[in-house]
Amino acid sequence: MKYLFIVAVLLMFSSCVAVKEYEKVYINAEDMALSARGICKADISSHIYREGAAGANGGKMGGGCGCN
């Protein structure tokens, strides 16, 4: 059991490496950026939830949460 733990710890630490200067160029590559579709999807999703809480009548009544 002790050997299994030591092997597991060694495997975890073997994946930790420092990124070299010439490798940092690829971090800012276009392939690594979020797609516009994902950003728009998150924006539309949050907009839908906010509209539901505002209510549709525009009066001074409570929002879509059920509070009056």
N, C-alpha and C. Protein backbone atom coordinates (compact mmCIF):
# COMPACT_ATOMS: atom_id res chain seq x y z
N MET A 1 0.83 -1.18 0.00
CA MET A 1 0.00 0.00 0.00
C MET A 1 0.88 1.25 0.00
N LYS A 2 1.97 1.19 0.75
CA LYS A 2 2.88 2.33 0.83
C LYS A 2 3.53 2.59 -0.54
N TYR A 3 3.88 1.52 -1.24
CA TYR A 3 4.51 1.67 -2.55
C TYR A 3 3.53 2.23 -3.57
N LEU A 4 2.29 1.84 -3.47
CA LEU A 4 1.27 2.35 -4.37
C LEU A 4 1.10 3.87 -4.19
N PHE A 5 1.12 4.31 -2.95
CA PHE A 5 1.02 5.74 -2.66
C PHE A 5 2.21 6.50 -3.23
N ILE A 6 3.39 5.96 -3.05
CA ILE A 6 4.60 6.62 -3.56
C ILE A 6 4.57 6.70 -5.07
N VAL A 7 4.16 5.65 -5.72
CA VAL A 7 4.06 5.64 -7.18
C VAL A 7 3.03 6.66 -7.65
N ALA A 8 1.90 6.74 -6.96
CA ALA A 8 0.86 7.70 -7.33
C ALA A 8 1.36 9.14 -7.20
N VAL A 9 2.09 9.42 -6.13
CA VAL A 9 2.63 10.77 -5.92
C VAL A 9 3.66 11.09 -6.99
N LEU A 10 4.51 10.15 -7.32
CA LEU A 10 5.52 10.38 -8.35
C LEU A 10 4.88 10.62 -9.71
N LEU A 11 3.82 9.91 -10.01
CA LEU A 11 3.12 10.12 -11.28
C LEU A 11 2.46 11.49 -11.33
N MET A 12 1.93 11.94 -10.22
CA MET A 12 1.30 13.27 -10.20
C MET A 12 2.33 14.37 -10.41
N PHE A 13 3.49 14.26 -9.77
CA PHE A 13 4.49 15.31 -9.88
C PHE A 13 5.27 15.24 -11.18
N SER A 14 5.21 14.14 -11.88
CA SER A 14 5.94 14.06 -13.14
C SER A 14 5.27 14.89 -14.23
N SER A 15 4.00 15.24 -14.06
CA SER A 15 3.31 16.03 -15.07
C SER A 15 3.47 17.53 -14.84
N CYS A 16 4.08 17.94 -13.75
CA CYS A 16 4.29 19.37 -13.47
C CYS A 16 5.59 19.81 -14.12
N VAL A 17 5.49 20.66 -15.13
CA VAL A 17 6.67 21.19 -15.80
C VAL A 17 6.52 22.69 -15.96
N ALA A 18 7.63 23.36 -16.09
CA ALA A 18 7.62 24.80 -16.35
C ALA A 18 7.48 25.02 -17.85
N VAL A 19 6.69 26.01 -18.22
CA VAL A 19 6.51 26.34 -19.63
C VAL A 19 7.65 27.23 -20.06
N LYS A 20 8.32 26.83 -21.11
CA LYS A 20 9.46 27.60 -21.61
C LYS A 20 8.97 28.81 -22.40
N GLU A 21 9.83 29.80 -22.56
CA GLU A 21 9.45 31.05 -23.23
C GLU A 21 8.95 30.80 -24.65
N TYR A 22 9.61 29.94 -25.40
CA TYR A 22 9.20 29.72 -26.78
C TYR A 22 7.92 28.90 -26.88
N GLU A 23 7.50 28.25 -25.79
CA GLU A 23 6.24 27.51 -25.80
C GLU A 23 5.05 28.40 -25.43
N LYS A 24 5.31 29.54 -24.83
CA LYS A 24 4.24 30.44 -24.42
C LYS A 24 3.55 31.10 -25.60
N VAL A 25 4.18 31.07 -26.76
CA VAL A 25 3.58 31.64 -27.96
C VAL A 25 2.28 30.91 -28.29
N TYR A 26 2.22 29.63 -28.06
CA TYR A 26 1.06 28.83 -28.43
C TYR A 26 -0.10 28.98 -27.46
N ILE A 27 0.15 29.52 -26.27
CA ILE A 27 -0.93 29.70 -25.31
C ILE A 27 -1.92 30.74 -25.81
N ASN A 28 -1.42 31.74 -26.53
CA ASN A 28 -2.26 32.81 -27.04
C ASN A 28 -2.71 32.55 -28.48
N ALA A 29 -2.61 31.32 -28.94
CA ALA A 29 -3.00 30.99 -30.30
C ALA A 29 -4.52 31.08 -30.47
N GLU A 30 -4.94 31.25 -31.69
CA GLU A 30 -6.37 31.39 -31.98
C GLU A 30 -7.14 30.12 -31.64
N ASP A 31 -6.49 28.98 -31.75
CA ASP A 31 -7.15 27.71 -31.42
C ASP A 31 -7.46 27.59 -29.94
N MET A 32 -6.73 28.30 -29.10
CA MET A 32 -6.92 28.21 -27.66
C MET A 32 -8.01 29.16 -27.16
N ALA A 33 -8.47 30.08 -27.99
CA ALA A 33 -9.46 31.08 -27.58
C ALA A 33 -10.85 30.46 -27.55
N LEU A 34 -11.74 31.07 -26.76
CA LEU A 34 -13.13 30.64 -26.75
C LEU A 34 -13.78 31.01 -28.06
N SER A 35 -14.64 30.16 -28.53
CA SER A 35 -15.34 30.47 -29.77
C SER A 35 -16.43 31.50 -29.49
N ALA A 36 -16.79 32.26 -30.49
CA ALA A 36 -17.83 33.27 -30.33
C ALA A 36 -19.17 32.62 -30.04
N ARG A 37 -19.37 31.42 -30.54
CA ARG A 37 -20.63 30.71 -30.31
C ARG A 37 -20.83 30.42 -28.83
N GLY A 38 -19.77 29.99 -28.15
CA GLY A 38 -19.88 29.69 -26.73
C GLY A 38 -20.15 30.93 -25.90
N ILE A 39 -19.51 32.04 -26.27
CA ILE A 39 -19.72 33.29 -25.54
C ILE A 39 -21.14 33.79 -25.75
N CYS A 40 -21.63 33.74 -27.00
CA CYS A 40 -23.00 34.19 -27.28
C CYS A 40 -24.01 33.31 -26.57
N LYS A 41 -23.75 32.02 -26.52
CA LYS A 41 -24.68 31.11 -25.86
C LYS A 41 -24.79 31.43 -24.38
N ALA A 42 -23.68 31.73 -23.73
CA ALA A 42 -23.70 32.08 -22.31
C ALA A 42 -24.39 33.42 -22.10
N ASP A 43 -24.18 34.36 -23.01
CA ASP A 43 -24.81 35.68 -22.89
C ASP A 43 -26.32 35.58 -23.05
N ILE A 44 -26.78 34.81 -24.02
CA ILE A 44 -28.22 34.62 -24.23
C ILE A 44 -28.84 33.92 -23.04
N SER A 45 -28.15 32.94 -22.50
CA SER A 45 -28.68 32.19 -21.36
C SER A 45 -28.86 33.10 -20.15
N SER A 46 -27.88 33.97 -19.87
CA SER A 46 -28.02 34.87 -18.73
C SER A 46 -29.09 35.92 -19.00
N HIS A 47 -29.25 36.34 -20.25
CA HIS A 47 -30.28 37.32 -20.59
C HIS A 47 -31.68 36.74 -20.38
N ILE A 48 -31.86 35.49 -20.71
CA ILE A 48 -33.16 34.83 -20.53
C ILE A 48 -33.53 34.80 -19.05
N TYR A 49 -32.59 34.49 -18.19
CA TYR A 49 -32.88 34.42 -16.76
C TYR A 49 -33.20 35.80 -16.19
N ARG A 50 -32.51 36.83 -16.66
CA ARG A 50 -32.79 38.18 -16.16
C ARG A 50 -34.16 38.66 -16.62
N GLU A 51 -34.55 38.35 -17.85
CA GLU A 51 -35.86 38.76 -18.36
C GLU A 51 -36.97 38.08 -17.58
N GLY A 52 -36.76 36.84 -17.17
CA GLY A 52 -37.77 36.13 -16.40
C GLY A 52 -38.00 36.75 -15.04
N ALA A 53 -36.98 37.35 -14.47
CA ALA A 53 -37.12 37.96 -13.15
C ALA A 53 -37.70 39.36 -13.23
N ALA A 54 -37.68 39.99 -14.41
CA ALA A 54 -38.15 41.37 -14.53
C ALA A 54 -39.65 41.46 -14.70
N GLY A 55 -40.30 40.44 -15.19
CA GLY A 55 -41.73 40.51 -15.44
C GLY A 55 -42.03 41.11 -16.80
N ALA A 56 -43.23 40.94 -17.29
CA ALA A 56 -43.56 41.38 -18.64
C ALA A 56 -44.48 42.58 -18.67
N ASN A 57 -45.07 42.98 -17.55
CA ASN A 57 -46.06 44.05 -17.58
C ASN A 57 -45.44 45.43 -17.43
N GLY A 58 -44.26 45.56 -16.94
CA GLY A 58 -43.61 46.86 -16.81
C GLY A 58 -44.14 47.71 -15.67
N GLY A 59 -45.08 47.21 -14.90
CA GLY A 59 -45.64 47.97 -13.79
C GLY A 59 -44.77 47.88 -12.56
N LYS A 60 -45.32 48.26 -11.42
CA LYS A 60 -44.56 48.23 -10.17
C LYS A 60 -44.82 46.96 -9.39
N MET A 61 -45.24 45.95 -10.07
CA MET A 61 -45.48 44.67 -9.40
C MET A 61 -44.17 43.91 -9.31
N GLY A 62 -44.19 42.81 -8.61
CA GLY A 62 -42.99 42.00 -8.46
C GLY A 62 -42.57 41.37 -9.77
N GLY A 63 -41.40 40.84 -9.79
CA GLY A 63 -40.87 40.24 -11.01
C GLY A 63 -41.40 38.85 -11.24
N GLY A 64 -40.73 38.11 -12.08
CA GLY A 64 -41.15 36.77 -12.42
C GLY A 64 -40.87 35.76 -11.33
N CYS A 65 -40.31 36.22 -10.22
CA CYS A 65 -39.95 35.30 -9.15
C CYS A 65 -41.16 34.96 -8.27
N GLY A 66 -42.28 35.67 -8.44
CA GLY A 66 -43.47 35.38 -7.66
C GLY A 66 -43.66 36.32 -6.49
N CYS A 67 -42.77 37.28 -6.28
CA CYS A 67 -42.95 38.22 -5.17
C CYS A 67 -43.75 39.43 -5.65
N ASN A 68 -44.70 39.86 -4.84
CA ASN A 68 -45.55 41.00 -5.22
C ASN A 68 -45.31 42.17 -4.30
